[in-house]
Amino acid sequence: MEVQSTSYSVVILTAYHSISGELSLHDQRFSDFLNDRRDTTVNLRDAQVARLVEPGKVLQRHSEASIAKACILLAFEPRQQAISAAGRLYGFVKKQTHEVFLVLDNMEVRGTLHTTGPLDLRRTLATAGESFLPLTKAVIRLCTNDRYLIEQDAVMVNAHLIRYIAKIEL
């Protein structure tokens, strides 16, 4: 059986850095890869790193780089790349939606959290079955540079690094 490899451009945010590059996935969606506990690192090709205080200023470029999944606050595919439903990075299952506000180290995130049942904030933090949770319609504000706003259709948030979560009352 032939294993199919697909390359994706991804952006990874840590508490103080933005790291972007090409990620090769083998018959796996992005969300599944991040939640796969057999591999604890993300290996990137054509990587570049910038500080969040100056996200437009690239500090270093490298042909290969690795980052521990445990250090990733959130990750996403840049908006300019559209992918078809057959090749999308995230799976689709009908779920309930909840507008939430999150605090991570050095950033605040607003977006839509999808759950299979009613929203249980405590359970989301204490017993997250998945390490990375999808958030849609995400708006990310950096604490070190509040003029810089990131808007993404979908991001993967490291549930273990969420410092605060609350439902936004509409």
C-alpha atoms as a PDB file:
ATOM      1  CA  MET A   1       0.000   0.000   0.000  1.00  0.00           C
ATOM      2  CA  GLU A   2       1.401   3.387  -0.995  1.00  0.00           C
ATOM      3  CA  VAL A   3       1.635   6.078   1.688  1.00  0.00           C
ATOM      4  CA  GLN A   4       0.666   9.489   0.321  1.00  0.00           C
ATOM      5  CA  SER A   5       2.636  12.494   1.537  1.00  0.00           C
ATOM      6  CA  THR A   6       1.234  16.020   1.345  1.00  0.00           C
ATOM      7  CA  SER A   7       3.095  19.213   2.174  1.00  0.00           C
ATOM      8  CA  TYR A   8       1.327  22.080   3.978  1.00  0.00           C
ATOM      9  CA  SER A   9       2.409  25.572   4.960  1.00  0.00           C
ATOM     10  CA  VAL A  10       1.816  26.056   8.679  1.00  0.00           C
ATOM     11  CA  VAL A  11       2.288  28.771  11.279  1.00  0.00           C
ATOM     12  CA  ILE A  12       3.077  27.848  14.877  1.00  0.00           C
ATOM     13  CA  LEU A  13       2.849  30.329  17.737  1.00  0.00           C
ATOM     14  CA  THR A  14       4.725  29.851  20.990  1.00  0.00           C
ATOM     15  CA  ALA A  15       4.616  32.295  23.899  1.00  0.00           C
ATOM     16  CA  TYR A  16       7.181  34.589  22.273  1.00  0.00           C
ATOM     17  CA  HIS A  17       7.789  33.420  18.701  1.00  0.00           C
ATOM     18  CA  SER A  18       6.066  32.791  15.396  1.00  0.00           C
ATOM     19  CA  ILE A  19       7.493  29.865  13.456  1.00  0.00           C
ATOM     20  CA  SER A  20       6.419  29.062   9.910  1.00  0.00           C
ATOM     21  CA  GLY A  21       7.432  26.418   7.426  1.00  0.00           C
ATOM     22  CA  GLU A  22       6.422  23.399   5.396  1.00  0.00           C
ATOM     23  CA  LEU A  23       5.043  20.319   7.143  1.00  0.00           C
ATOM     24  CA  SER A  24       4.781  16.944   5.402  1.00  0.00           C
ATOM     25  CA  LEU A  25       1.903  14.757   6.528  1.00  0.00           C
ATOM     26  CA  HIS A  26       1.530  11.117   5.554  1.00  0.00           C
ATOM     27  CA  ASP A  27      -2.145  10.135   5.136  1.00  0.00           C
ATOM     28  CA  GLN A  28      -3.059  12.272   8.166  1.00  0.00           C
ATOM     29  CA  ARG A  29      -4.982  15.490   8.816  1.00  0.00           C
ATOM     30  CA  PHE A  30      -3.251  18.363  10.619  1.00  0.00           C
ATOM     31  CA  SER A  31      -5.451  17.984  13.714  1.00  0.00           C
ATOM     32  CA  ASP A  32      -4.795  14.238  13.870  1.00  0.00           C
ATOM     33  CA  PHE A  33      -1.052  14.816  13.549  1.00  0.00           C
ATOM     34  CA  LEU A  34      -1.008  17.367  16.399  1.00  0.00           C
ATOM     35  CA  ASN A  35      -2.992  15.000  18.626  1.00  0.00           C
ATOM     36  CA  ASP A  36      -0.901  11.938  17.728  1.00  0.00           C
ATOM     37  CA  ARG A  37       1.019  11.191  20.939  1.00  0.00           C
ATOM     38  CA  ARG A  38       3.452   8.854  19.182  1.00  0.00           C
ATOM     39  CA  ASP A  39       5.284  11.863  17.721  1.00  0.00           C
ATOM     40  CA  THR A  40       6.166  14.652  20.163  1.00  0.00           C
ATOM     41  CA  THR A  41       7.754  17.042  17.673  1.00  0.00           C
ATOM     42  CA  VAL A  42       6.815  18.969  14.554  1.00  0.00           C
ATOM     43  CA  ASN A  43       9.504  18.863  11.881  1.00  0.00           C
ATOM     44  CA  LEU A  44       9.464  21.751   9.411  1.00  0.00           C
ATOM     45  CA  ARG A  45      11.264  22.429   6.163  1.00  0.00           C
ATOM     46  CA  ASP A  46      12.117  25.957   4.990  1.00  0.00           C
ATOM     47  CA  ALA A  47      11.405  27.263   8.479  1.00  0.00           C
ATOM     48  CA  GLN A  48      11.590  30.855   9.606  1.00  0.00           C
ATOM     49  CA  VAL A  49      11.263  32.313  13.071  1.00  0.00           C
ATOM     50  CA  ALA A  50      10.191  35.791  14.240  1.00  0.00           C
ATOM     51  CA  ARG A  51       9.524  37.328  17.642  1.00  0.00           C
ATOM     52  CA  LEU A  52       5.900  38.143  18.411  1.00  0.00           C
ATOM     53  CA  VAL A  53       6.891  41.708  19.333  1.00  0.00           C
ATOM     54  CA  GLU A  54       7.928  42.150  15.666  1.00  0.00           C
ATOM     55  CA  PRO A  55       6.181  39.344  13.757  1.00  0.00           C
ATOM     56  CA  GLY A  56       7.101  40.798  10.361  1.00  0.00           C
ATOM     57  CA  LYS A  57      10.841  40.734  11.072  1.00  0.00           C
ATOM     58  CA  VAL A  58      12.337  37.303  10.374  1.00  0.00           C
ATOM     59  CA  LEU A  59      15.179  36.508  12.787  1.00  0.00           C
ATOM     60  CA  GLN A  60      16.438  33.304  11.196  1.00  0.00           C
ATOM     61  CA  ARG A  61      15.697  30.977   8.278  1.00  0.00           C
ATOM     62  CA  HIS A  62      16.602  27.294   8.323  1.00  0.00           C
ATOM     63  CA  SER A  63      16.224  24.458   5.825  1.00  0.00           C
ATOM     64  CA  GLU A  64      15.103  22.123   8.642  1.00  0.00           C
ATOM     65  CA  ALA A  65      13.807  22.752  12.162  1.00  0.00           C
ATOM     66  CA  SER A  66      11.907  20.949  14.921  1.00  0.00           C
ATOM     67  CA  ILE A  67       9.660  22.162  17.706  1.00  0.00           C
ATOM     68  CA  ALA A  68       8.221  20.208  20.624  1.00  0.00           C
ATOM     69  CA  LYS A  69       4.432  19.925  20.402  1.00  0.00           C
ATOM     70  CA  ALA A  70       4.226  20.668  24.136  1.00  0.00           C
ATOM     71  CA  CYS A  71       5.600  24.200  23.479  1.00  0.00           C
ATOM     72  CA  ILE A  72       3.047  25.070  20.803  1.00  0.00           C
ATOM     73  CA  LEU A  73       0.291  27.413  21.991  1.00  0.00           C
ATOM     74  CA  LEU A  74      -1.585  27.289  18.721  1.00  0.00           C
ATOM     75  CA  ALA A  75      -1.043  26.362  15.096  1.00  0.00           C
ATOM     76  CA  PHE A  76      -2.811  27.081  11.823  1.00  0.00           C
ATOM     77  CA  GLU A  77      -2.540  27.009   8.066  1.00  0.00           C
ATOM     78  CA  PRO A  78      -2.086  30.519   6.623  1.00  0.00           C
ATOM     79  CA  ARG A  79      -5.296  32.003   5.244  1.00  0.00           C
ATOM     80  CA  GLN A  80      -4.028  32.578   1.693  1.00  0.00           C
ATOM     81  CA  GLN A  81      -3.994  28.855   0.963  1.00  0.00           C
ATOM     82  CA  ALA A  82      -7.373  27.391   0.169  1.00  0.00           C
ATOM     83  CA  ILE A  83      -7.812  23.633   0.307  1.00  0.00           C
ATOM     84  CA  SER A  84     -10.624  21.524  -1.029  1.00  0.00           C
ATOM     85  CA  ALA A  85     -12.933  19.551   1.248  1.00  0.00           C
ATOM     86  CA  ALA A  86     -11.185  16.352   0.126  1.00  0.00           C
ATOM     87  CA  GLY A  87      -7.809  17.640   1.297  1.00  0.00           C
ATOM     88  CA  ARG A  88      -8.716  19.791   4.263  1.00  0.00           C
ATOM     89  CA  LEU A  89      -6.560  19.765   7.369  1.00  0.00           C
ATOM     90  CA  TYR A  90      -9.430  19.453   9.836  1.00  0.00           C
ATOM     91  CA  GLY A  91     -12.121  16.798  10.096  1.00  0.00           C
ATOM     92  CA  PHE A  92     -15.831  17.619  10.159  1.00  0.00           C
ATOM     93  CA  VAL A  93     -18.323  16.210  12.653  1.00  0.00           C
ATOM     94  CA  LYS A  94     -21.623  17.920  13.534  1.00  0.00           C
ATOM     95  CA  LYS A  95     -21.143  19.591  16.934  1.00  0.00           C
ATOM     96  CA  GLN A  96     -22.553  22.332  19.159  1.00  0.00           C
ATOM     97  CA  THR A  97     -20.836  25.705  18.875  1.00  0.00           C
ATOM     98  CA  HIS A  98     -19.853  28.024  21.719  1.00  0.00           C
ATOM     99  CA  GLU A  99     -18.240  31.460  21.503  1.00  0.00           C
ATOM    100  CA  VAL A 100     -15.296  31.481  23.911  1.00  0.00           C
ATOM    101  CA  PHE A 101     -12.489  33.710  25.153  1.00  0.00           C
ATOM    102  CA  LEU A 102      -9.136  32.091  25.965  1.00  0.00           C
ATOM    103  CA  VAL A 103      -5.987  33.345  27.629  1.00  0.00           C
ATOM    104  CA  LEU A 104      -2.739  31.652  26.674  1.00  0.00           C
ATOM    105  CA  ASP A 105       0.775  32.765  27.562  1.00  0.00           C
ATOM    106  CA  ASN A 106       1.266  36.153  25.913  1.00  0.00           C
ATOM    107  CA  MET A 107      -1.954  36.042  23.852  1.00  0.00           C
ATOM    108  CA  GLU A 108      -5.723  36.220  24.001  1.00  0.00           C
ATOM    109  CA  VAL A 109      -7.993  34.327  21.630  1.00  0.00           C
ATOM    110  CA  ARG A 110     -11.679  34.694  20.777  1.00  0.00           C
ATOM    111  CA  GLY A 111     -13.380  32.096  18.657  1.00  0.00           C
ATOM    112  CA  THR A 112     -15.884  29.293  18.328  1.00  0.00           C
ATOM    113  CA  LEU A 113     -15.293  26.058  20.230  1.00  0.00           C
ATOM    114  CA  HIS A 114     -17.075  22.958  18.942  1.00  0.00           C
ATOM    115  CA  THR A 115     -18.245  20.293  21.403  1.00  0.00           C
ATOM    116  CA  THR A 116     -20.193  17.064  21.077  1.00  0.00           C
ATOM    117  CA  GLY A 117     -22.419  18.083  24.017  1.00  0.00           C
ATOM    118  CA  PRO A 118     -23.018  21.045  26.308  1.00  0.00           C
ATOM    119  CA  LEU A 119     -20.003  23.210  27.083  1.00  0.00           C
ATOM    120  CA  ASP A 120     -18.260  22.160  30.299  1.00  0.00           C
ATOM    121  CA  LEU A 121     -15.397  24.613  30.847  1.00  0.00           C
ATOM    122  CA  ARG A 122     -13.870  22.639  33.707  1.00  0.00           C
ATOM    123  CA  ARG A 123     -13.848  19.419  31.721  1.00  0.00           C
ATOM    124  CA  THR A 124     -12.364  21.225  28.709  1.00  0.00           C
ATOM    125  CA  LEU A 125      -9.315  22.151  30.799  1.00  0.00           C
ATOM    126  CA  ALA A 126      -9.062  19.254  33.258  1.00  0.00           C
ATOM    127  CA  THR A 127      -9.756  16.241  31.099  1.00  0.00           C
ATOM    128  CA  ALA A 128      -9.079  17.282  27.538  1.00  0.00           C
ATOM    129  CA  GLY A 129      -9.009  14.026  25.594  1.00  0.00           C
ATOM    130  CA  GLU A 130      -7.199  15.744  22.764  1.00  0.00           C
ATOM    131  CA  SER A 131      -4.105  17.842  23.319  1.00  0.00           C
ATOM    132  CA  PHE A 132      -5.092  20.296  20.570  1.00  0.00           C
ATOM    133  CA  LEU A 133      -8.630  21.646  20.227  1.00  0.00           C
ATOM    134  CA  PRO A 134      -9.973  23.246  17.060  1.00  0.00           C
ATOM    135  CA  LEU A 135     -11.267  26.804  17.297  1.00  0.00           C
ATOM    136  CA  THR A 136     -12.972  28.401  14.316  1.00  0.00           C
ATOM    137  CA  LYS A 137     -13.445  32.080  13.459  1.00  0.00           C
ATOM    138  CA  ALA A 138     -10.423  32.759  15.667  1.00  0.00           C
ATOM    139  CA  VAL A 139      -9.130  36.239  16.481  1.00  0.00           C
ATOM    140  CA  ILE A 140      -5.735  36.272  18.196  1.00  0.00           C
ATOM    141  CA  ARG A 141      -4.394  39.347  19.998  1.00  0.00           C
ATOM    142  CA  LEU A 142      -0.762  39.326  21.066  1.00  0.00           C
ATOM    143  CA  CYS A 143      -0.006  40.835  24.479  1.00  0.00           C
ATOM    144  CA  THR A 144       3.489  41.924  23.402  1.00  0.00           C
ATOM    145  CA  ASN A 145       2.139  43.687  20.316  1.00  0.00           C
ATOM    146  CA  ASP A 146      -1.550  44.585  20.658  1.00  0.00           C
ATOM    147  CA  ARG A 147      -1.531  46.362  17.273  1.00  0.00           C
ATOM    148  CA  TYR A 148      -0.998  42.996  15.592  1.00  0.00           C
ATOM    149  CA  LEU A 149      -4.207  40.988  15.194  1.00  0.00           C
ATOM    150  CA  ILE A 150      -4.393  37.546  13.601  1.00  0.00           C
ATOM    151  CA  GLU A 151      -7.714  36.380  12.153  1.00  0.00           C
ATOM    152  CA  GLN A 152      -8.004  32.766  11.021  1.00  0.00           C
ATOM    153  CA  ASP A 153     -10.880  30.558   9.905  1.00  0.00           C
ATOM    154  CA  ALA A 154      -9.491  27.703  12.020  1.00  0.00           C
ATOM    155  CA  VAL A 155      -6.691  27.225  14.558  1.00  0.00           C
ATOM    156  CA  MET A 156      -5.585  24.343  16.742  1.00  0.00           C
ATOM    157  CA  VAL A 157      -5.121  25.398  20.401  1.00  0.00           C
ATOM    158  CA  ASN A 158      -3.011  23.434  22.878  1.00  0.00           C
ATOM    159  CA  ALA A 159      -5.607  22.612  25.583  1.00  0.00           C
ATOM    160  CA  HIS A 160      -2.866  21.990  28.166  1.00  0.00           C
ATOM    161  CA  LEU A 161      -1.604  25.570  27.823  1.00  0.00           C
ATOM    162  CA  ILE A 162      -4.960  27.341  28.168  1.00  0.00           C
ATOM    163  CA  ARG A 163      -4.662  29.540  31.273  1.00  0.00           C
ATOM    164  CA  TYR A 164      -8.250  30.830  31.248  1.00  0.00           C
ATOM    165  CA  ILE A 165     -11.405  29.952  29.325  1.00  0.00           C
ATOM    166  CA  ALA A 166     -14.856  31.511  29.470  1.00  0.00           C
ATOM    167  CA  LYS A 167     -17.995  31.428  27.394  1.00  0.00           C
ATOM    168  CA  ILE A 168     -18.786  34.744  25.746  1.00  0.00           C
ATOM    169  CA  GLU A 169     -22.293  35.771  26.660  1.00  0.00           C
ATOM    170  CA  LEU A 170     -24.049  37.139  23.577  1.00  0.00           C
END
